[in-house]
PDB file of N, CA and C in Angstrom:
ATOM      1  N   MET A   1       6.315  13.065   5.712  1.00  0.00           N
ATOM      2  CA  MET A   1       5.418  14.495   4.679  1.00  0.00           C
ATOM      3  C   MET A   1       3.890  14.324   3.981  1.00  0.00           C
ATOM      4  N   VAL A   2       3.341  15.419   4.163  1.00  0.00           N
ATOM      5  CA  VAL A   2       1.436  15.699   3.636  1.00  0.00           C
ATOM      6  C   VAL A   2       2.163  15.718   2.222  1.00  0.00           C
ATOM      7  N   LYS A   3       1.309  14.632   1.174  1.00  0.00           N
ATOM      8  CA  LYS A   3       1.342  14.553   0.177  1.00  0.00           C
ATOM      9  C   LYS A   3      -0.366  14.962  -0.844  1.00  0.00           C
ATOM     10  N   SER A   4      -1.449  14.875   0.244  1.00  0.00           N
ATOM     11  CA  SER A   4      -2.396  15.214  -0.215  1.00  0.00           C
ATOM     12  C   SER A   4      -3.729  15.620   0.415  1.00  0.00           C
ATOM     13  N   ASP A   5      -4.812  15.969   0.951  1.00  0.00           N
ATOM     14  CA  ASP A   5      -5.954  15.020   1.401  1.00  0.00           C
ATOM     15  C   ASP A   5      -5.829  14.229   1.926  1.00  0.00           C
ATOM     16  N   ARG A   6      -5.911  13.111   1.404  1.00  0.00           N
ATOM     17  CA  ARG A   6      -5.749  11.507   1.923  1.00  0.00           C
ATOM     18  C   ARG A   6      -4.290  10.859   1.969  1.00  0.00           C
ATOM     19  N   PHE A   7      -3.458  11.421   1.515  1.00  0.00           N
ATOM     20  CA  PHE A   7      -2.054  10.702   1.682  1.00  0.00           C
ATOM     21  C   PHE A   7      -0.768  11.020   2.027  1.00  0.00           C
ATOM     22  N   GLU A   8      -0.133  10.343   2.674  1.00  0.00           N
ATOM     23  CA  GLU A   8       1.046  11.170   2.974  1.00  0.00           C
ATOM     24  C   GLU A   8       2.026   9.827   3.204  1.00  0.00           C
ATOM     25  N   TRP A   9       3.027  10.383   3.346  1.00  0.00           N
ATOM     26  CA  TRP A   9       4.568   9.199   3.780  1.00  0.00           C
ATOM     27  C   TRP A   9       5.564   9.576   3.792  1.00  0.00           C
ATOM     28  N   ASP A  10       7.169   9.196   4.065  1.00  0.00           N
ATOM     29  CA  ASP A  10       8.132   9.603   4.259  1.00  0.00           C
ATOM     30  C   ASP A  10       8.822   9.824   2.811  1.00  0.00           C
ATOM     31  N   ASP A  11       9.218  10.680   2.262  1.00  0.00           N
ATOM     32  CA  ASP A  11       9.920  10.987   1.525  1.00  0.00           C
ATOM     33  C   ASP A  11      11.069   9.969   1.120  1.00  0.00           C
ATOM     34  N   ALA A  12      12.293   9.897   2.249  1.00  0.00           N
ATOM     35  CA  ALA A  12      13.214   8.550   2.495  1.00  0.00           C
ATOM     36  C   ALA A  12      12.699   7.257   1.562  1.00  0.00           C
ATOM     37  N   LYS A  13      11.989   7.264   2.694  1.00  0.00           N
ATOM     38  CA  LYS A  13      11.153   5.795   2.184  1.00  0.00           C
ATOM     39  C   LYS A  13      10.616   5.723   0.640  1.00  0.00           C
ATOM     40  N   ALA A  14       9.549   6.596   0.085  1.00  0.00           N
ATOM     41  CA  ALA A  14       9.297   6.649  -1.097  1.00  0.00           C
ATOM     42  C   ALA A  14      10.647   6.547  -2.119  1.00  0.00           C
ATOM     43  N   ALA A  15      11.590   7.287  -1.577  1.00  0.00           N
ATOM     44  CA  ALA A  15      12.695   7.852  -2.384  1.00  0.00           C
ATOM     45  C   ALA A  15      13.494   6.275  -3.042  1.00  0.00           C
ATOM     46  N   TRP A  16      13.065   5.504  -2.176  1.00  0.00           N
ATOM     47  CA  TRP A  16      14.353   4.295  -1.454  1.00  0.00           C
ATOM     48  C   TRP A  16      13.332   3.381  -2.758  1.00  0.00           C
ATOM     49  N   THR A  17      12.094   3.252  -2.553  1.00  0.00           N
ATOM     50  CA  THR A  17      11.021   1.786  -2.969  1.00  0.00           C
ATOM     51  C   THR A  17      10.926   2.766  -4.430  1.00  0.00           C
ATOM     52  N   LEU A  18      11.160   3.778  -4.631  1.00  0.00           N
ATOM     53  CA  LEU A  18      11.364   4.780  -6.314  1.00  0.00           C
ATOM     54  C   LEU A  18      13.050   3.759  -6.998  1.00  0.00           C
ATOM     55  N   ARG A  19      13.531   4.142  -6.070  1.00  0.00           N
ATOM     56  CA  ARG A  19      14.977   3.473  -6.704  1.00  0.00           C
ATOM     57  C   ARG A  19      15.100   1.833  -6.612  1.00  0.00           C
ATOM     58  N   GLU A  20      14.862   1.551  -5.529  1.00  0.00           N
ATOM     59  CA  GLU A  20      14.957  -0.295  -5.800  1.00  0.00           C
ATOM     60  C   GLU A  20      13.523  -1.138  -5.956  1.00  0.00           C
ATOM     61  N   ARG A  21      12.896  -0.613  -6.005  1.00  0.00           N
ATOM     62  CA  ARG A  21      11.855  -1.225  -6.880  1.00  0.00           C
ATOM     63  C   ARG A  21      10.614  -0.356  -7.885  1.00  0.00           C
ATOM     64  N   GLY A  22      11.526   0.547  -8.277  1.00  0.00           N
ATOM     65  CA  GLY A  22      10.653   0.862  -9.141  1.00  0.00           C
ATOM     66  C   GLY A  22       9.231   1.125  -9.485  1.00  0.00           C
ATOM     67  N   LEU A  23       8.974   1.882  -8.119  1.00  0.00           N
ATOM     68  CA  LEU A  23       7.520   2.312  -7.531  1.00  0.00           C
ATOM     69  C   LEU A  23       7.448   3.477  -7.120  1.00  0.00           C
ATOM     70  N   ALA A  24       6.530   4.063  -7.114  1.00  0.00           N
ATOM     71  CA  ALA A  24       6.017   5.402  -6.805  1.00  0.00           C
ATOM     72  C   ALA A  24       4.898   5.319  -6.192  1.00  0.00           C
ATOM     73  N   PHE A  25       5.030   6.031  -4.910  1.00  0.00           N
ATOM     74  CA  PHE A  25       4.362   6.084  -3.720  1.00  0.00           C
ATOM     75  C   PHE A  25       2.785   6.969  -4.315  1.00  0.00           C
ATOM     76  N   ASP A  26       2.822   7.677  -5.266  1.00  0.00           N
ATOM     77  CA  ASP A  26       1.678   8.418  -5.653  1.00  0.00           C
ATOM     78  C   ASP A  26       0.959   7.168  -6.596  1.00  0.00           C
ATOM     79  N   ASP A  27       2.064   6.599  -7.385  1.00  0.00           N
ATOM     80  CA  ASP A  27       1.544   5.742  -8.340  1.00  0.00           C
ATOM     81  C   ASP A  27       0.540   4.376  -7.445  1.00  0.00           C
ATOM     82  N   ALA A  28       1.506   4.031  -6.471  1.00  0.00           N
ATOM     83  CA  ALA A  28       0.396   2.646  -5.721  1.00  0.00           C
ATOM     84  C   ALA A  28      -0.705   3.205  -4.887  1.00  0.00           C
ATOM     85  N   ALA A  29      -0.443   4.756  -4.545  1.00  0.00           N
ATOM     86  CA  ALA A  29      -1.332   4.361  -3.718  1.00  0.00           C
ATOM     87  C   ALA A  29      -2.847   5.040  -4.258  1.00  0.00           C
ATOM     88  N   THR A  30      -2.999   4.513  -6.039  1.00  0.00           N
ATOM     89  CA  THR A  30      -4.274   4.349  -6.375  1.00  0.00           C
ATOM     90  C   THR A  30      -5.054   3.149  -6.192  1.00  0.00           C
ATOM     91  N   VAL A  31      -3.889   2.257  -5.649  1.00  0.00           N
ATOM     92  CA  VAL A  31      -4.312   0.565  -4.990  1.00  0.00           C
ATOM     93  C   VAL A  31      -5.749   0.667  -4.036  1.00  0.00           C
ATOM     94  N   THR A  32      -5.627   1.621  -3.446  1.00  0.00           N
ATOM     95  CA  THR A  32      -6.637   2.251  -2.368  1.00  0.00           C
ATOM     96  C   THR A  32      -8.055   2.743  -3.078  1.00  0.00           C
ATOM     97  N   ASP A  33      -8.245   2.332  -4.749  1.00  0.00           N
ATOM     98  CA  ASP A  33      -9.236   3.377  -5.024  1.00  0.00           C
ATOM     99  C   ASP A  33      -9.997   1.842  -6.066  1.00  0.00           C
ATOM    100  N   ASP A  34      -8.942   0.716  -5.806  1.00  0.00           N
ATOM    101  CA  ASP A  34      -9.473  -0.754  -6.488  1.00  0.00           C
ATOM    102  C   ASP A  34     -10.509  -1.162  -5.789  1.00  0.00           C
ATOM    103  N   ALA A  35     -11.859  -1.304  -6.132  1.00  0.00           N
ATOM    104  CA  ALA A  35     -13.189  -2.032  -5.807  1.00  0.00           C
ATOM    105  C   ALA A  35     -12.972  -3.176  -5.109  1.00  0.00           C
ATOM    106  N   ARG A  36     -12.246  -3.551  -5.595  1.00  0.00           N
ATOM    107  CA  ARG A  36     -12.170  -5.205  -5.364  1.00  0.00           C
ATOM    108  C   ARG A  36     -10.957  -5.511  -4.157  1.00  0.00           C
ATOM    109  N   ARG A  37     -10.096  -4.412  -3.691  1.00  0.00           N
ATOM    110  CA  ARG A  37      -8.827  -4.443  -3.103  1.00  0.00           C
ATOM    111  C   ARG A  37      -9.461  -5.626  -1.993  1.00  0.00           C
ATOM    112  N   ILE A  38      -8.346  -5.841  -1.250  1.00  0.00           N
ATOM    113  CA  ILE A  38      -8.129  -6.516   0.082  1.00  0.00           C
ATOM    114  C   ILE A  38      -7.232  -6.283   1.507  1.00  0.00           C
ATOM    115  N   GLU A  39      -7.781  -6.211   2.177  1.00  0.00           N
ATOM    116  CA  GLU A  39      -7.392  -5.095   3.747  1.00  0.00           C
ATOM    117  C   GLU A  39      -7.461  -6.356   4.653  1.00  0.00           C
ATOM    118  N   ALA A  40      -6.498  -6.783   5.061  1.00  0.00           N
ATOM    119  CA  ALA A  40      -6.293  -6.823   6.448  1.00  0.00           C
ATOM    120  C   ALA A  40      -5.511  -6.442   7.689  1.00  0.00           C
ATOM    121  N   VAL A  41      -5.525  -6.280   8.757  1.00  0.00           N
ATOM    122  CA  VAL A  41      -4.498  -6.183   9.463  1.00  0.00           C
ATOM    123  C   VAL A  41      -3.230  -6.784   9.616  1.00  0.00           C
ATOM    124  N   ASP A  42      -1.978  -5.776   9.794  1.00  0.00           N
ATOM    125  CA  ASP A  42      -0.924  -6.482   9.945  1.00  0.00           C
ATOM    126  C   ASP A  42      -0.840  -6.796  11.120  1.00  0.00           C
ATOM    127  N   LYS A  43      -0.658  -8.541  11.453  1.00  0.00           N
ATOM    128  CA  LYS A  43      -0.766  -8.272  13.498  1.00  0.00           C
ATOM    129  C   LYS A  43       0.898  -9.188  13.431  1.00  0.00           C
ATOM    130  N   ARG A  44       1.748  -9.098  12.519  1.00  0.00           N
ATOM    131  CA  ARG A  44       2.869  -9.874  12.632  1.00  0.00           C
ATOM    132  C   ARG A  44       3.605  -9.198  13.674  1.00  0.00           C
ATOM    133  N   ARG A  45       3.637  -8.177  14.391  1.00  0.00           N
ATOM    134  CA  ARG A  45       4.142  -7.889  15.485  1.00  0.00           C
ATOM    135  C   ARG A  45       3.133  -6.035  16.144  1.00  0.00           C
ATOM    136  N   ASN A  46       3.911  -5.768  17.192  1.00  0.00           N
ATOM    137  CA  ASN A  46       2.928  -4.597  17.914  1.00  0.00           C
ATOM    138  C   ASN A  46       3.782  -3.326  17.547  1.00  0.00           C
ATOM    139  N   TYR A  47       3.122  -2.469  16.377  1.00  0.00           N
ATOM    140  CA  TYR A  47       3.616  -1.156  15.685  1.00  0.00           C
ATOM    141  C   TYR A  47       2.855  -0.475  16.703  1.00  0.00           C
ATOM    142  N   ASP A  48       2.039  -0.032  17.683  1.00  0.00           N
ATOM    143  CA  ASP A  48       2.125   0.966  18.445  1.00  0.00           C
ATOM    144  C   ASP A  48       0.817   1.381  17.715  1.00  0.00           C
ATOM    145  N   GLU A  49       0.392   0.784  16.374  1.00  0.00           N
ATOM    146  CA  GLU A  49      -0.947   2.064  15.355  1.00  0.00           C
ATOM    147  C   GLU A  49      -1.365   0.845  15.197  1.00  0.00           C
ATOM    148  N   THR A  50      -2.396   0.523  14.309  1.00  0.00           N
ATOM    149  CA  THR A  50      -2.903  -0.307  13.439  1.00  0.00           C
ATOM    150  C   THR A  50      -2.262  -0.053  12.231  1.00  0.00           C
ATOM    151  N   ARG A  51      -2.064  -0.714  11.129  1.00  0.00           N
ATOM    152  CA  ARG A  51      -0.978  -1.088  10.304  1.00  0.00           C
ATOM    153  C   ARG A  51      -1.994  -2.122   9.369  1.00  0.00           C
ATOM    154  N   VAL A  52      -2.509  -1.944   8.409  1.00  0.00           N
ATOM    155  CA  VAL A  52      -3.313  -2.668   7.239  1.00  0.00           C
ATOM    156  C   VAL A  52      -2.362  -3.060   6.175  1.00  0.00           C
ATOM    157  N   LYS A  53      -2.369  -4.033   5.770  1.00  0.00           N
ATOM    158  CA  LYS A  53      -2.149  -4.665   4.249  1.00  0.00           C
ATOM    159  C   LYS A  53      -3.314  -4.424   2.889  1.00  0.00           C
ATOM    160  N   VAL A  54      -3.128  -4.171   2.744  1.00  0.00           N
ATOM    161  CA  VAL A  54      -4.048  -3.689   1.189  1.00  0.00           C
ATOM    162  C   VAL A  54      -3.053  -4.455  -0.233  1.00  0.00           C
ATOM    163  N   ILE A  55      -4.178  -5.387  -0.565  1.00  0.00           N
ATOM    164  CA  ILE A  55      -3.498  -6.501  -2.034  1.00  0.00           C
ATOM    165  C   ILE A  55      -4.527  -5.729  -3.081  1.00  0.00           C
ATOM    166  N   GLY A  56      -4.636  -4.845  -4.281  1.00  0.00           N
ATOM    167  CA  GLY A  56      -5.153  -4.718  -5.045  1.00  0.00           C
ATOM    168  C   GLY A  56      -4.417  -4.005  -6.255  1.00  0.00           C
ATOM    169  N   GLN A  57      -5.174  -3.305  -7.178  1.00  0.00           N
ATOM    170  CA  GLN A  57      -4.490  -3.195  -8.464  1.00  0.00           C
ATOM    171  C   GLN A  57      -4.586  -1.844  -8.725  1.00  0.00           C
ATOM    172  N   SER A  58      -3.336  -1.236  -9.254  1.00  0.00           N
ATOM    173  CA  SER A  58      -3.350  -0.177  -8.964  1.00  0.00           C
ATOM    174  C   SER A  58      -3.983   0.624 -10.511  1.00  0.00           C
ATOM    175  N   GLN A  59      -3.788   1.766 -11.131  1.00  0.00           N
ATOM    176  CA  GLN A  59      -4.636   2.217 -11.872  1.00  0.00           C
ATOM    177  C   GLN A  59      -3.707   2.187 -13.348  1.00  0.00           C
ATOM    178  N   ASP A  60      -2.239   1.396 -12.808  1.00  0.00           N
ATOM    179  CA  ASP A  60      -1.483   1.065 -14.095  1.00  0.00           C
ATOM    180  C   ASP A  60      -1.743  -0.278 -14.334  1.00  0.00           C
ATOM    181  N   GLY A  61      -2.468  -1.215 -13.673  1.00  0.00           N
ATOM    182  CA  GLY A  61      -2.915  -2.211 -13.566  1.00  0.00           C
ATOM    183  C   GLY A  61      -1.783  -3.255 -12.974  1.00  0.00           C
ATOM    184  N   LEU A  62      -0.925  -2.609 -12.105  1.00  0.00           N
ATOM    185  CA  LEU A  62       0.067  -3.692 -11.357  1.00  0.00           C
ATOM    186  C   LEU A  62      -0.753  -3.992 -10.425  1.00  0.00           C
ATOM    187  N   MET A  63      -0.184  -5.424  -9.905  1.00  0.00           N
ATOM    188  CA  MET A  63      -0.951  -6.028  -8.767  1.00  0.00           C
ATOM    189  C   MET A  63      -0.363  -5.572  -7.468  1.00  0.00           C
ATOM    190  N   LEU A  64      -0.682  -4.756  -6.482  1.00  0.00           N
ATOM    191  CA  LEU A  64       0.911  -4.306  -5.701  1.00  0.00           C
ATOM    192  C   LEU A  64       0.082  -4.778  -4.015  1.00  0.00           C
ATOM    193  N   THR A  65       0.891  -4.713  -3.361  1.00  0.00           N
ATOM    194  CA  THR A  65       0.967  -5.117  -2.043  1.00  0.00           C
ATOM    195  C   THR A  65       1.443  -3.374  -0.898  1.00  0.00           C
ATOM    196  N   LEU A  66       0.623  -2.880  -0.331  1.00  0.00           N
ATOM    197  CA  LEU A  66       0.743  -1.780   0.465  1.00  0.00           C
ATOM    198  C   LEU A  66       0.864  -2.168   1.716  1.00  0.00           C
ATOM    199  N   ILE A  67       1.281  -1.284   2.514  1.00  0.00           N
ATOM    200  CA  ILE A  67       1.522  -1.497   4.469  1.00  0.00           C
ATOM    201  C   ILE A  67       0.770   0.112   4.591  1.00  0.00           C
ATOM    202  N   VAL A  68       0.176   0.092   5.123  1.00  0.00           N
ATOM    203  CA  VAL A  68      -0.174   1.650   5.183  1.00  0.00           C
ATOM    204  C   VAL A  68      -1.000   1.342   7.247  1.00  0.00           C
ATOM    205  N   THR A  69      -1.053   2.597   7.392  1.00  0.00           N
ATOM    206  CA  THR A  69      -1.953   2.681   8.629  1.00  0.00           C
ATOM    207  C   THR A  69      -2.537   4.549   8.864  1.00  0.00           C
ATOM    208  N   ARG A  70      -3.561   4.488   9.374  1.00  0.00           N
ATOM    209  CA  ARG A  70      -3.905   6.368   9.490  1.00  0.00           C
ATOM    210  C   ARG A  70      -3.213   7.174  10.588  1.00  0.00           C
ATOM    211  N   ARG A  71      -3.312   8.361   9.903  1.00  0.00           N
ATOM    212  CA  ARG A  71      -2.250   9.052  11.087  1.00  0.00           C
ATOM    213  C   ARG A  71      -3.613  11.018  10.508  1.00  0.00           C
ATOM    214  N   GLY A  72      -3.852  11.224  11.598  1.00  0.00           N
ATOM    215  CA  GLY A  72      -4.459  12.364  11.161  1.00  0.00           C
ATOM    216  C   GLY A  72      -5.441  12.461  10.083  1.00  0.00           C
ATOM    217  N   GLY A  73      -5.989  11.843   9.888  1.00  0.00           N
ATOM    218  CA  GLY A  73      -7.314  11.494   8.719  1.00  0.00           C
ATOM    219  C   GLY A  73      -6.956  11.148   7.285  1.00  0.00           C
ATOM    220  N   ARG A  74      -5.644  10.973   7.537  1.00  0.00           N
ATOM    221  CA  ARG A  74      -5.161  10.779   6.014  1.00  0.00           C
ATOM    222  C   ARG A  74      -4.322   8.917   5.700  1.00  0.00           C
ATOM    223  N   ILE A  75      -4.046   8.846   5.104  1.00  0.00           N
ATOM    224  CA  ILE A  75      -3.285   7.050   4.628  1.00  0.00           C
ATOM    225  C   ILE A  75      -2.067   7.858   4.685  1.00  0.00           C
ATOM    226  N   ARG A  76      -0.876   6.772   5.516  1.00  0.00           N
ATOM    227  CA  ARG A  76       0.230   6.917   5.437  1.00  0.00           C
ATOM    228  C   ARG A  76       0.679   5.747   4.880  1.00  0.00           C
ATOM    229  N   ILE A  77       1.208   5.597   3.602  1.00  0.00           N
ATOM    230  CA  ILE A  77       1.963   4.529   3.062  1.00  0.00           C
ATOM    231  C   ILE A  77       3.331   4.463   3.604  1.00  0.00           C
ATOM    232  N   ILE A  78       3.065   3.275   4.080  1.00  0.00           N
ATOM    233  CA  ILE A  78       4.426   2.996   4.875  1.00  0.00           C
ATOM    234  C   ILE A  78       5.397   1.785   3.742  1.00  0.00           C
ATOM    235  N   SER A  79       4.878   1.202   3.116  1.00  0.00           N
ATOM    236  CA  SER A  79       5.440   0.713   2.171  1.00  0.00           C
ATOM    237  C   SER A  79       4.861   0.255   1.000  1.00  0.00           C
ATOM    238  N   ALA A  80       5.504  -0.231  -0.145  1.00  0.00           N
ATOM    239  CA  ALA A  80       4.504  -0.527  -0.947  1.00  0.00           C
ATOM    240  C   ALA A  80       5.732  -1.993  -2.265  1.00  0.00           C
ATOM    241  N   ARG A  81       5.273  -2.930  -2.858  1.00  0.00           N
ATOM    242  CA  ARG A  81       5.914  -3.288  -3.595  1.00  0.00           C
ATOM    243  C   ARG A  81       4.752  -3.932  -4.191  1.00  0.00           C
ATOM    244  N   LEU A  82       5.456  -5.019  -5.539  1.00  0.00           N
ATOM    245  CA  LEU A  82       4.892  -6.082  -6.192  1.00  0.00           C
ATOM    246  C   LEU A  82       3.875  -7.512  -5.315  1.00  0.00           C
ATOM    247  N   ALA A  83       3.096  -7.597  -5.562  1.00  0.00           N
ATOM    248  CA  ALA A  83       2.234  -8.439  -4.930  1.00  0.00           C
ATOM    249  C   ALA A  83       2.592  -9.559  -5.397  1.00  0.00           C
ATOM    250  N   SER A  84       2.904 -10.497  -4.014  1.00  0.00           N
ATOM    251  CA  SER A  84       4.035 -11.869  -4.454  1.00  0.00           C
ATOM    252  C   SER A  84       2.744 -12.827  -4.807  1.00  0.00           C
ATOM    253  N   ARG A  85       3.184 -14.156  -5.563  1.00  0.00           N
ATOM    254  CA  ARG A  85       2.104 -14.888  -6.184  1.00  0.00           C
ATOM    255  C   ARG A  85       1.146 -15.207  -5.280  1.00  0.00           C
ATOM    256  N   LYS A  86       1.446 -16.092  -3.896  1.00  0.00           N
ATOM    257  CA  LYS A  86       0.419 -15.843  -2.969  1.00  0.00           C
ATOM    258  C   LYS A  86      -0.376 -14.888  -3.000  1.00  0.00           C
ATOM    259  N   GLU A  87      -0.189 -13.289  -2.622  1.00  0.00           N
ATOM    260  CA  GLU A  87      -0.679 -12.322  -2.731  1.00  0.00           C
ATOM    261  C   GLU A  87      -1.643 -12.085  -3.754  1.00  0.00           C
ATOM    262  N   ARG A  88      -1.565 -12.691  -4.697  1.00  0.00           N
ATOM    263  CA  ARG A  88      -2.255 -12.657  -6.270  1.00  0.00           C
ATOM    264  C   ARG A  88      -3.259 -13.707  -6.643  1.00  0.00           C
ATOM    265  N   MET A  89      -2.605 -14.581  -5.788  1.00  0.00           N
ATOM    266  CA  MET A  89      -3.800 -15.830  -5.804  1.00  0.00           C
ATOM    267  C   MET A  89      -4.689 -15.463  -5.296  1.00  0.00           C
ATOM    268  N   ILE A  90      -4.888 -15.400  -3.775  1.00  0.00           N
ATOM    269  CA  ILE A  90      -5.470 -14.311  -2.997  1.00  0.00           C
ATOM    270  C   ILE A  90      -6.745 -13.399  -3.793  1.00  0.00           C
ATOM    271  N   TYR A  91      -5.808 -12.260  -4.524  1.00  0.00           N
ATOM    272  CA  TYR A  91      -6.992 -11.528  -4.782  1.00  0.00           C
ATOM    273  C   TYR A  91      -7.837 -12.197  -5.611  1.00  0.00           C
ATOM    274  N   ASP A  92      -6.762 -13.012  -6.343  1.00  0.00           N
ATOM    275  CA  ASP A  92      -7.908 -13.427  -7.376  1.00  0.00           C
ATOM    276  C   ASP A  92      -8.879 -14.433  -7.010  1.00  0.00           C
ATOM    277  N   GLN A  93      -8.633 -15.500  -5.901  1.00  0.00           N
ATOM    278  CA  GLN A  93      -9.950 -16.055  -5.441  1.00  0.00           C
ATOM    279  C   GLN A  93     -10.984 -15.246  -4.662  1.00  0.00           C
ATOM    280  N   ALA A  94     -10.593 -13.836  -4.511  1.00  0.00           N
ATOM    281  CA  ALA A  94     -11.689 -12.863  -3.774  1.00  0.00           C
ATOM    282  C   ALA A  94     -12.664 -12.416  -4.737  1.00  0.00           C
ATOM    283  N   ARG A  95     -12.580 -12.701  -5.920  1.00  0.00           N
ATOM    284  CA  ARG A  95     -13.308 -12.189  -6.904  1.00  0.00           C
ATOM    285  C   ARG A  95     -15.104 -12.753  -7.279  1.00  0.00           C
TER     286      ARG A  95
END
């Protein structure tokens, strides 16, 4: 479902993430505004689309990891979670 000019996501996945992880996709989307965010192509498997792992800080100060892809000119959020200790270290070392 389209959520804005910039973002879209699956409503069922967003509801699951809010319920299970306490993260709202609209808040998680603010990670893409972090000027120091780290982005890397997710090569774990062939998804038939380019997926990108984004590690960064949300406007609420949470360190998050998103998996996103581009569809129709928008960023589609596939998943959002708290960044792991390793991901936080990578982010901190990149400063």
